[in-house]
Amino acid sequence: MGKSEQSTYIFTFTRRQTLIFIKDMLKEIIKSRGMKQTFIAQKIGVSVVTVSNWVQEKSSPSEKHLKKLSELLQVPIKDLVRSKFTT
């Protein structure tokens, strides 16, 4: 990974950045751990449809749900998102 790619990963949300949820990472983690979307939805307090929408990239989790998802899956937030800098 080049220097510019490394600098795009962030840990905090700012007004100048748009976070882009990485659905493929979520799919891979769910599959590798044998988790069901129903289980994830129950644990973080959202509907199964919401989790399905995240996996299909129809929507992205809020900051609150992203933190819960990170904790549940035991992966850093930076592994679930990438940032797109806006002007």
Protein backbone atom coordinates (compact mmCIF):
# COMPACT_ATOMS: atom_id res chain seq x y z
CA MET A 1 0.00 0.00 0.00
CA GLY A 2 1.41 3.39 -1.00
CA LYS A 3 1.83 6.34 1.30
CA SER A 4 -1.25 8.14 -0.06
CA GLU A 5 -3.41 5.04 0.46
CA GLN A 6 -2.22 4.65 4.03
CA SER A 7 -3.09 8.23 4.86
CA THR A 8 -6.70 7.74 3.78
CA TYR A 9 -7.51 5.46 6.70
CA ILE A 10 -8.93 7.29 9.69
CA PHE A 11 -10.06 6.59 13.22
CA THR A 12 -12.32 9.57 13.80
CA PHE A 13 -15.11 11.20 11.88
CA THR A 14 -14.60 14.77 10.71
CA ARG A 15 -16.69 17.18 8.67
CA ARG A 16 -14.20 17.14 5.80
CA GLN A 17 -14.30 13.38 5.34
CA THR A 18 -16.94 11.07 3.99
CA LEU A 19 -16.58 7.53 5.29
CA ILE A 20 -17.22 4.76 2.84
CA PHE A 21 -18.27 1.46 4.30
CA ILE A 22 -16.44 -1.52 2.84
CA LYS A 23 -19.13 -4.14 2.26
CA ASP A 24 -16.71 -6.79 1.01
CA MET A 25 -14.83 -6.72 4.31
CA LEU A 26 -18.08 -7.15 6.23
CA LYS A 27 -19.14 -10.05 4.01
CA GLU A 28 -15.79 -11.77 4.47
CA ILE A 29 -15.79 -11.38 8.25
CA ILE A 30 -19.37 -12.64 8.55
CA LYS A 31 -18.60 -15.64 6.34
CA SER A 32 -15.29 -16.53 7.99
CA ARG A 33 -16.79 -16.42 11.48
CA GLY A 34 -19.97 -18.26 10.55
CA MET A 35 -22.12 -15.38 11.77
CA LYS A 36 -25.64 -14.75 10.60
CA GLN A 37 -27.01 -11.32 9.77
CA THR A 38 -29.82 -11.99 12.28
CA PHE A 39 -27.28 -12.47 15.09
CA ILE A 40 -25.42 -9.27 14.17
CA ALA A 41 -28.66 -7.29 13.98
CA GLN A 42 -29.77 -8.47 17.42
CA LYS A 43 -26.40 -7.76 19.03
CA ILE A 44 -26.07 -4.20 17.75
CA GLY A 45 -29.73 -3.24 17.95
CA VAL A 46 -30.79 -2.89 14.32
CA SER A 47 -33.10 -4.82 12.00
CA VAL A 48 -31.94 -7.68 9.81
CA VAL A 49 -32.93 -5.57 6.81
CA THR A 50 -30.51 -2.87 7.98
CA VAL A 51 -27.60 -5.32 8.19
CA SER A 52 -28.58 -6.75 4.81
CA ASN A 53 -28.54 -3.22 3.36
CA TRP A 54 -25.01 -2.70 4.73
CA VAL A 55 -23.81 -5.96 3.19
CA GLN A 56 -25.40 -5.04 -0.15
CA GLU A 57 -24.04 -1.49 0.17
CA LYS A 58 -27.50 0.03 -0.10
CA SER A 59 -26.71 1.99 3.05
CA SER A 60 -23.90 2.43 5.56
CA PRO A 61 -23.96 2.15 9.34
CA SER A 62 -24.05 5.28 11.45
CA GLU A 63 -21.01 6.10 13.55
CA LYS A 64 -22.75 4.60 16.60
CA HIS A 65 -23.53 1.34 14.79
CA LEU A 66 -20.13 1.22 13.15
CA LYS A 67 -18.52 1.29 16.60
CA LYS A 68 -20.83 -1.49 17.83
CA LEU A 69 -20.13 -3.52 14.70
CA SER A 70 -16.39 -3.06 15.19
CA GLU A 71 -16.64 -4.25 18.80
CA LEU A 72 -18.85 -7.23 17.93
CA LEU A 73 -16.65 -8.38 15.06
CA GLN A 74 -13.47 -7.53 17.00
CA VAL A 75 -11.96 -5.60 14.10
CA PRO A 76 -10.73 -2.01 14.03
CA ILE A 77 -13.09 0.53 12.47
CA LYS A 78 -10.39 1.36 9.94
CA ASP A 79 -10.78 -2.16 8.53
CA LEU A 80 -14.49 -1.57 7.89
CA VAL A 81 -14.29 1.86 6.26
CA ARG A 82 -12.13 3.99 4.08
CA SER A 83 -12.29 7.73 3.90
CA LYS A 84 -12.97 9.89 0.93
CA PHE A 85 -11.79 13.46 1.48
CA THR A 86 -14.22 16.15 0.46
CA THR A 87 -13.59 19.82 -0.07
